[in-house]
Amino acid sequence: MTALFAGLWGGLLRLGVAVPAADGRLAELHGPLMTLGFLGTLIGLERAVALGRPWGYAAPLASGVGSLAAAAGAPGAFGPALLAFAAAVLVLEHVVIDRIQRTAHNAVMALGALAWLAAAVLWLAGSEVPRFVPLLAGFLVLTIVGERLELSRLRGLGGARRTLLLIAIGVLVCGLALSVPSEGAGIRLAGAGLLGQALWLARHDIARRTVRAGGVTRFMAVALLAGYVWLGIAGALWLLRGLPPGGFAYDAQVHALFLGFVMSMVFAHAPVIIPAVVRIRLPFRRRFYVHLSLLHASLALRIVAGDLAGNVRLWQWGGVAGELAIIVFLVATATAIGRSAVRSGGTLDRRRGGGGFPRSLVDDNARARPQPAEVAHE
């Protein structure tokens, strides 16, 4: 959470908002703090809980401490080194999971962990943050799409349709690898992979079916489908324009993916992941649509009225509103958890997944899944 708020503060500095700048490095570290310090630690924690091995907690511990060290300006490469170590532990976790049961979705998420490791190694080697932003994007996209691939298996989708998604994932991975020696060509190839995954998810993901349900199931589906739209936009922009080093074009291409796709996925999965990790029930509230709507409206304002039109003021307003959406999400989540704890007498729900998982999201055969690493993803 400290890394998240430090990253949000750095985002305000990058937007040119007049806020106190205790350390100018926060603007430079905005991306790594949000991606690795917040989301990387969260994903590492979720993986450690699912795996059930004590050593797995070394990944979120190292990423949390490493991101704070980087934000605090620790001497040398202490922060990036810890983040590289966290990625290495995450890769090892996937190796262990693969020995329990070999699956395509675990392999995809392992590739995401390798993308994190590659980004951290480039950082250690002295690369500027924009140089490894595509790898940070790859880490998050491959992790999220790997989870959606898992649910497609539970839906019983045919091998041919799953193969199309795997081909799109392969194109993304090849593009990310190519972007290290040849950034322009690699980014365009990676963009084709992103676009292919967005089209596949929009057509075959289970959210197309569950959006017709109600309550938390519909909320999650709406958040997922909206995120796929932004993933497609980001893929198209990467494919057509590459990833320029700065300016409005760079801002649009980066935030369409990291905010429009990734944060929408975070909002969607919070009702499942939080109960699974902390064993506290997170009851759904209709007001959750407020932060979801604010996120996508602010991003549309930032990109369409700001980046594409070259309007600095609207770009700033959109950026600030996007940060506000994340804060509203945190407040709404904490409030719902707090009220649930009060009503239950302050006790934690010790059932697997916290009892908050909507069973309608997966088929009945998901109940007998043996691999412990997939519990939190359910």
Protein backbone atom coordinates (compact mmCIF):
# COMPACT_ATOMS: atom_id res chain seq x y z
CA MET A 1 0.00 0.00 0.00
CA THR A 2 2.90 2.34 0.69
CA ALA A 3 4.30 1.58 -2.75
CA LEU A 4 0.87 2.21 -4.26
CA PHE A 5 0.48 5.65 -2.68
CA ALA A 6 4.08 6.56 -3.51
CA GLY A 7 3.37 5.54 -7.10
CA LEU A 8 0.18 7.59 -7.19
CA TRP A 9 2.09 10.59 -5.85
CA GLY A 10 4.70 10.09 -8.55
CA GLY A 11 1.88 9.98 -11.08
CA LEU A 12 0.66 13.39 -9.92
CA LEU A 13 4.18 14.74 -10.36
CA ARG A 14 4.32 13.35 -13.91
CA LEU A 15 0.99 15.02 -14.63
CA GLY A 16 2.49 18.36 -13.58
CA VAL A 17 0.11 18.76 -10.66
CA ALA A 18 1.35 21.22 -8.04
CA VAL A 19 1.98 18.81 -5.14
CA PRO A 20 4.96 18.71 -2.76
CA ALA A 21 7.82 16.70 -4.23
CA ALA A 22 9.80 15.30 -1.32
CA ASP A 23 11.79 13.22 -3.79
CA GLY A 24 11.81 13.84 -7.52
CA ARG A 25 12.58 10.14 -8.05
CA LEU A 26 8.94 9.30 -7.36
CA ALA A 27 7.98 10.65 -10.78
CA GLU A 28 10.60 8.45 -12.43
CA LEU A 29 9.60 5.42 -10.34
CA HIS A 30 5.86 5.82 -10.90
CA GLY A 31 5.66 2.81 -13.21
CA PRO A 32 7.82 0.33 -11.21
CA LEU A 33 6.14 1.27 -7.93
CA MET A 34 2.65 0.69 -9.33
CA THR A 35 3.57 -2.41 -11.35
CA LEU A 36 6.05 -4.21 -9.11
CA GLY A 37 5.72 -2.54 -5.73
CA PHE A 38 1.92 -2.78 -5.58
CA LEU A 39 0.70 -5.31 -8.14
CA GLY A 40 3.86 -7.45 -8.09
CA THR A 41 3.68 -7.77 -4.31
CA LEU A 42 -0.04 -8.55 -4.48
CA ILE A 43 0.46 -11.22 -7.16
CA GLY A 44 3.42 -12.67 -5.25
CA LEU A 45 1.35 -12.86 -2.07
CA GLU A 46 -1.55 -14.48 -3.88
CA ARG A 47 0.79 -17.05 -5.42
CA ALA A 48 2.40 -17.79 -2.03
CA VAL A 49 -0.97 -18.32 -0.36
CA ALA A 50 -2.11 -20.59 -3.20
CA LEU A 51 1.11 -22.62 -3.19
CA GLY A 52 1.10 -23.05 0.58
CA ARG A 53 4.90 -23.20 0.92
CA PRO A 54 6.54 -20.85 3.48
CA TRP A 55 9.44 -20.00 1.18
CA GLY A 56 6.99 -18.63 -1.37
CA TYR A 57 6.46 -15.58 0.82
CA ALA A 58 10.02 -14.49 -0.01
CA ALA A 59 8.68 -13.11 -3.31
CA PRO A 60 6.16 -10.58 -1.92
CA LEU A 61 8.51 -9.73 0.95
CA ALA A 62 11.39 -8.98 -1.43
CA SER A 63 9.24 -7.02 -3.89
CA GLY A 64 7.67 -4.99 -1.10
CA VAL A 65 10.97 -4.13 0.56
CA GLY A 66 12.71 -3.63 -2.78
CA SER A 67 10.13 -1.16 -4.06
CA LEU A 68 10.26 0.83 -0.83
CA ALA A 69 14.06 0.86 -0.95
CA ALA A 70 13.95 2.17 -4.51
CA ALA A 71 11.44 4.86 -3.54
CA ALA A 72 13.55 5.87 -0.56
CA GLY A 73 16.65 6.23 -2.75
CA ALA A 74 18.61 3.36 -1.21
CA PRO A 75 22.25 3.40 -2.34
CA GLY A 76 23.42 1.23 -5.18
CA ALA A 77 21.03 -1.16 -6.84
CA PHE A 78 19.58 -2.58 -3.63
CA GLY A 79 15.95 -1.99 -4.63
CA PRO A 80 16.15 -3.38 -8.18
CA ALA A 81 18.20 -6.35 -6.90
CA LEU A 82 15.48 -7.29 -4.42
CA LEU A 83 12.85 -6.95 -7.15
CA ALA A 84 14.90 -9.27 -9.38
CA PHE A 85 15.14 -11.76 -6.51
CA ALA A 86 11.36 -11.59 -6.02
CA ALA A 87 10.84 -12.39 -9.70
CA ALA A 88 13.25 -15.33 -9.48
CA VAL A 89 11.30 -16.77 -6.53
CA LEU A 90 8.05 -16.34 -8.47
CA VAL A 91 9.55 -18.24 -11.41
CA LEU A 92 10.62 -21.01 -9.02
CA GLU A 93 7.08 -21.21 -7.64
CA HIS A 94 5.77 -21.83 -11.15
CA VAL A 95 8.38 -24.56 -11.64
CA VAL A 96 7.11 -26.27 -8.49
CA ILE A 97 3.50 -25.87 -9.62
CA ASP A 98 4.42 -27.32 -13.01
CA ARG A 99 5.76 -30.44 -11.28
CA ILE A 100 2.47 -30.83 -9.42
CA GLN A 101 0.46 -30.61 -12.62
CA ARG A 102 1.63 -29.34 -15.99
CA THR A 103 -0.85 -26.92 -17.56
CA ALA A 104 -0.74 -24.33 -20.32
CA HIS A 105 -2.05 -21.54 -18.10
CA ASN A 106 0.72 -22.07 -15.56
CA ALA A 107 3.29 -21.91 -18.35
CA VAL A 108 1.81 -18.60 -19.51
CA MET A 109 1.98 -17.13 -16.00
CA ALA A 110 5.56 -18.41 -15.67
CA LEU A 111 6.42 -16.45 -18.83
CA GLY A 112 4.94 -13.41 -17.09
CA ALA A 113 7.25 -13.94 -14.13
CA LEU A 114 10.19 -14.23 -16.54
CA ALA A 115 9.17 -10.90 -18.09
CA TRP A 116 9.32 -9.34 -14.62
CA LEU A 117 12.76 -10.88 -14.09
CA ALA A 118 14.00 -9.57 -17.45
CA ALA A 119 12.74 -6.07 -16.62
CA ALA A 120 14.50 -6.13 -13.24
CA VAL A 121 17.75 -7.30 -14.87
CA LEU A 122 17.58 -4.42 -17.37
CA TRP A 123 16.99 -2.03 -14.48
CA LEU A 124 20.00 -3.46 -12.67
CA ALA A 125 22.04 -2.98 -15.84
CA GLY A 126 21.25 0.75 -15.78
CA SER A 127 18.41 0.96 -18.31
CA GLU A 128 15.92 3.80 -17.99
CA VAL A 129 12.39 2.87 -16.94
CA PRO A 130 10.76 3.44 -20.39
CA ARG A 131 13.18 0.89 -21.82
CA PHE A 132 11.66 -1.98 -19.85
CA VAL A 133 8.05 -0.77 -19.63
CA PRO A 134 7.01 -3.32 -22.34
CA LEU A 135 8.36 -6.13 -20.13
CA LEU A 136 6.43 -4.79 -17.14
CA ALA A 137 3.33 -4.82 -19.33
CA GLY A 138 4.14 -8.37 -20.39
CA PHE A 139 4.39 -9.48 -16.76
CA LEU A 140 0.90 -8.25 -15.95
CA VAL A 141 -0.78 -9.22 -19.22
CA LEU A 142 0.60 -12.76 -19.20
CA THR A 143 -0.35 -13.23 -15.55
CA ILE A 144 -3.91 -12.06 -16.13
CA VAL A 145 -4.42 -13.85 -19.44
CA GLY A 146 -2.99 -17.02 -17.92
CA GLU A 147 -5.74 -16.91 -15.32
CA ARG A 148 -8.40 -16.37 -17.98
CA LEU A 149 -6.92 -19.28 -19.96
CA GLU A 150 -7.38 -21.42 -16.87
CA LEU A 151 -11.07 -20.58 -16.72
CA SER A 152 -11.43 -21.32 -20.44
CA ARG A 153 -10.21 -24.84 -19.70
CA LEU A 154 -12.88 -25.20 -17.05
CA ARG A 155 -15.50 -24.07 -19.58
CA GLY A 156 -14.49 -26.94 -21.83
CA LEU A 157 -13.53 -24.82 -24.83
CA GLY A 158 -12.20 -26.87 -27.70
CA GLY A 159 -8.51 -27.25 -28.37
CA ALA A 160 -8.63 -25.26 -31.61
CA ARG A 161 -10.04 -22.17 -29.92
CA ARG A 162 -7.56 -22.39 -27.05
CA THR A 163 -4.77 -22.78 -29.60
CA LEU A 164 -5.69 -19.41 -31.12
CA LEU A 165 -5.17 -17.74 -27.75
CA LEU A 166 -1.87 -19.54 -27.26
CA ILE A 167 -0.72 -18.32 -30.68
CA ALA A 168 -1.56 -14.72 -29.71
CA ILE A 169 0.33 -15.19 -26.44
CA GLY A 170 3.30 -16.56 -28.36
CA VAL A 171 3.29 -13.52 -30.64
CA LEU A 172 3.35 -11.25 -27.57
CA VAL A 173 6.23 -13.17 -26.00
CA CYS A 174 8.24 -13.08 -29.22
CA GLY A 175 7.59 -9.35 -29.53
CA LEU A 176 8.73 -8.70 -25.96
CA ALA A 177 11.91 -10.70 -26.53
CA LEU A 178 12.57 -8.84 -29.80
CA SER A 179 11.98 -5.47 -28.13
CA VAL A 180 15.19 -5.83 -26.11
CA PRO A 181 17.57 -5.73 -29.14
CA SER A 182 15.13 -4.02 -31.56
CA GLU A 183 12.56 -1.95 -29.70
CA GLY A 184 10.55 -0.66 -32.65
CA ALA A 185 9.96 -3.99 -34.36
CA GLY A 186 9.45 -5.81 -31.08
CA ILE A 187 6.81 -3.40 -29.82
CA ARG A 188 4.80 -3.67 -33.03
CA LEU A 189 4.91 -7.47 -32.90
CA ALA A 190 3.92 -7.40 -29.23
CA GLY A 191 1.05 -5.09 -30.16
CA ALA A 192 -0.25 -7.69 -32.59
CA GLY A 193 -0.16 -10.22 -29.76
CA LEU A 194 -2.04 -7.90 -27.41
CA LEU A 195 -4.69 -7.22 -30.03
CA GLY A 196 -5.10 -10.92 -30.75
CA GLN A 197 -5.58 -11.72 -27.06
CA ALA A 198 -8.09 -8.90 -26.64
CA LEU A 199 -10.18 -10.17 -29.57
CA TRP A 200 -10.05 -13.75 -28.27
CA LEU A 201 -11.03 -12.77 -24.73
CA ALA A 202 -13.86 -10.55 -25.93
CA ARG A 203 -15.21 -13.47 -27.96
CA HIS A 204 -14.57 -16.51 -25.76
CA ASP A 205 -14.09 -15.40 -22.16
CA ILE A 206 -16.65 -16.62 -19.65
CA ALA A 207 -17.51 -12.97 -18.87
CA ARG A 208 -19.69 -12.89 -21.98
CA ARG A 209 -21.96 -15.41 -20.30
CA THR A 210 -21.78 -14.21 -16.69
CA VAL A 211 -22.56 -10.59 -17.60
CA ARG A 212 -26.18 -11.70 -17.84
CA ALA A 213 -26.17 -12.76 -14.19
CA GLY A 214 -26.56 -10.43 -11.23
CA GLY A 215 -24.68 -9.11 -8.22
CA VAL A 216 -20.93 -9.59 -7.98
CA THR A 217 -20.91 -11.96 -10.96
CA ARG A 218 -22.21 -9.28 -13.30
CA PHE A 219 -19.90 -6.65 -11.79
CA MET A 220 -16.85 -8.82 -12.43
CA ALA A 221 -17.98 -9.55 -15.98
CA VAL A 222 -18.56 -5.86 -16.76
CA ALA A 223 -15.10 -4.97 -15.42
CA LEU A 224 -13.49 -7.76 -17.44
CA LEU A 225 -15.20 -6.89 -20.71
CA ALA A 226 -14.40 -3.19 -20.32
CA GLY A 227 -10.77 -4.11 -19.68
CA TYR A 228 -10.63 -6.18 -22.86
CA VAL A 229 -11.69 -3.12 -24.86
CA TRP A 230 -8.73 -1.15 -23.51
CA LEU A 231 -6.40 -4.09 -24.11
CA GLY A 232 -7.47 -4.07 -27.75
CA ILE A 233 -6.94 -0.30 -27.98
CA ALA A 234 -3.47 -0.62 -26.47
CA GLY A 235 -2.61 -3.46 -28.84
CA ALA A 236 -3.75 -1.49 -31.86
CA LEU A 237 -1.73 1.56 -30.77
CA TRP A 238 1.39 -0.53 -30.16
CA LEU A 239 0.96 -2.23 -33.53
CA LEU A 240 0.43 0.98 -35.51
CA ARG A 241 2.74 3.42 -33.71
CA GLY A 242 5.23 1.43 -31.70
CA LEU A 243 5.98 2.87 -28.27
CA PRO A 244 7.52 6.36 -28.56
CA PRO A 245 9.77 7.39 -25.65
CA GLY A 246 7.54 10.21 -24.42
CA GLY A 247 4.75 12.65 -25.14
CA PHE A 248 1.02 12.20 -25.54
CA ALA A 249 1.33 9.12 -27.73
CA TYR A 250 3.41 7.29 -25.13
CA ASP A 251 0.99 8.30 -22.37
CA ALA A 252 -2.01 6.98 -24.30
CA GLN A 253 -0.38 3.67 -25.20
CA VAL A 254 0.93 2.98 -21.71
CA HIS A 255 -2.14 3.96 -19.72
CA ALA A 256 -4.64 2.27 -22.03
CA LEU A 257 -2.96 -0.96 -20.96
CA PHE A 258 -1.87 -0.33 -17.36
CA LEU A 259 -4.98 1.58 -16.28
CA GLY A 260 -7.68 0.56 -18.73
CA PHE A 261 -6.85 -3.14 -18.80
CA VAL A 262 -4.82 -3.96 -15.69
CA MET A 263 -6.66 -1.84 -13.10
CA SER A 264 -10.00 -2.97 -14.49
CA MET A 265 -8.81 -6.55 -13.94
CA VAL A 266 -7.82 -5.63 -10.37
CA PHE A 267 -11.27 -4.18 -9.72
CA ALA A 268 -12.86 -7.29 -11.23
CA HIS A 269 -10.86 -9.84 -9.26
CA ALA A 270 -10.83 -8.06 -5.90
CA PRO A 271 -14.06 -9.77 -4.68
CA VAL A 272 -12.35 -13.14 -5.25
CA ILE A 273 -8.66 -12.51 -4.52
CA ILE A 274 -9.08 -10.58 -1.25
CA PRO A 275 -11.14 -13.31 0.46
CA ALA A 276 -8.76 -15.98 -0.87
CA VAL A 277 -5.62 -14.21 0.41
CA VAL A 278 -6.63 -12.57 3.70
CA ARG A 279 -9.55 -14.88 4.59
CA ILE A 280 -11.91 -11.97 5.11
CA ARG A 281 -15.24 -11.86 3.36
CA LEU A 282 -15.69 -9.00 0.89
CA PRO A 283 -19.44 -8.58 0.32
CA PHE A 284 -20.45 -7.00 -2.96
CA ARG A 285 -21.97 -3.52 -2.95
CA ARG A 286 -23.62 -1.84 -5.92
CA ARG A 287 -21.53 1.26 -5.21
CA PHE A 288 -18.53 -0.68 -6.56
CA TYR A 289 -19.76 0.46 -9.97
CA VAL A 290 -18.80 4.01 -8.95
CA HIS A 291 -15.04 3.42 -8.96
CA LEU A 292 -15.31 1.16 -12.02
CA SER A 293 -17.21 3.82 -13.98
CA LEU A 294 -14.88 6.56 -12.78
CA LEU A 295 -11.83 4.59 -13.90
CA HIS A 296 -13.03 4.15 -17.48
CA ALA A 297 -14.55 7.61 -17.81
CA SER A 298 -11.35 9.24 -16.55
CA LEU A 299 -9.24 7.20 -18.94
CA ALA A 300 -11.46 8.16 -21.87
CA LEU A 301 -11.07 11.80 -20.87
CA ARG A 302 -7.31 11.45 -20.51
CA ILE A 303 -6.70 9.66 -23.80
CA VAL A 304 -9.40 10.96 -26.14
CA ALA A 305 -9.78 14.56 -24.95
CA GLY A 306 -6.26 14.88 -23.60
CA ASP A 307 -3.68 12.77 -25.45
CA LEU A 308 -5.30 12.57 -28.87
CA ALA A 309 -6.51 16.18 -28.87
CA GLY A 310 -3.31 17.52 -27.30
CA ASN A 311 -5.23 19.26 -24.51
CA VAL A 312 -2.94 19.43 -21.47
CA ARG A 313 -5.63 20.55 -19.03
CA LEU A 314 -8.03 17.73 -19.90
CA TRP A 315 -5.12 15.29 -19.86
CA GLN A 316 -4.34 16.39 -16.31
CA TRP A 317 -7.96 16.21 -15.20
CA GLY A 318 -8.28 12.73 -16.64
CA GLY A 319 -5.10 11.59 -14.91
CA VAL A 320 -6.16 12.98 -11.53
CA ALA A 321 -9.62 11.41 -11.88
CA GLY A 322 -7.99 8.06 -12.67
CA GLU A 323 -5.99 8.21 -9.44
CA LEU A 324 -9.17 9.18 -7.60
CA ALA A 325 -10.86 6.05 -8.98
CA ILE A 326 -8.14 3.89 -7.39
CA ILE A 327 -8.54 5.68 -4.05
CA VAL A 328 -12.34 5.28 -4.19
CA PHE A 329 -11.80 1.58 -4.91
CA LEU A 330 -9.60 1.23 -1.82
CA VAL A 331 -12.06 3.11 0.39
CA ALA A 332 -15.07 1.14 -0.90
CA THR A 333 -13.25 -2.16 -0.42
CA ALA A 334 -12.04 -1.30 3.09
CA THR A 335 -15.51 -0.08 4.09
CA ALA A 336 -17.20 -3.24 2.83
CA ILE A 337 -14.66 -5.44 4.65
CA GLY A 338 -14.96 -3.41 7.85
CA ARG A 339 -18.75 -3.59 7.94
CA SER A 340 -18.64 -7.31 7.20
CA ALA A 341 -16.18 -7.85 10.07
CA VAL A 342 -18.37 -5.85 12.46
CA ARG A 343 -21.47 -7.85 11.54
CA SER A 344 -19.60 -11.13 12.02
CA GLY A 345 -18.20 -10.06 15.38
CA GLY A 346 -14.72 -9.38 14.02
CA THR A 347 -14.01 -13.02 13.16
CA LEU A 348 -12.25 -14.08 9.98
CA ASP A 349 -13.81 -16.44 7.52
CA ARG A 350 -11.41 -19.39 7.45
CA ARG A 351 -13.11 -21.27 4.65
CA ARG A 352 -11.17 -21.63 1.44
CA GLY A 353 -11.59 -18.46 -0.54
CA GLY A 354 -13.43 -16.78 2.33
CA GLY A 355 -16.79 -18.10 1.15
CA GLY A 356 -17.13 -15.16 -1.23
CA PHE A 357 -16.58 -16.94 -4.53
CA PRO A 358 -19.56 -16.94 -6.89
CA ARG A 359 -19.81 -20.56 -8.01
CA SER A 360 -21.61 -19.52 -11.19
CA LEU A 361 -18.33 -18.28 -12.63
CA VAL A 362 -16.99 -21.76 -13.29
CA ASP A 363 -18.36 -25.15 -14.13
CA ASP A 364 -19.08 -27.78 -11.51
CA ASN A 365 -15.96 -29.74 -12.36
CA ALA A 366 -13.86 -26.93 -10.84
CA ARG A 367 -14.78 -28.17 -7.37
CA ALA A 368 -12.52 -31.20 -7.62
CA ARG A 369 -9.37 -29.51 -8.86
CA PRO A 370 -6.34 -30.96 -7.08
CA GLN A 371 -3.62 -28.39 -7.75
CA PRO A 372 -3.21 -26.11 -4.68
CA ALA A 373 -1.76 -23.29 -6.74
CA GLU A 374 -5.11 -22.63 -8.40
CA VAL A 375 -7.16 -22.17 -5.23
CA ALA A 376 -6.71 -18.41 -5.07
CA HIS A 377 -7.48 -18.05 -8.78
CA GLU A 378 -10.83 -19.71 -8.19
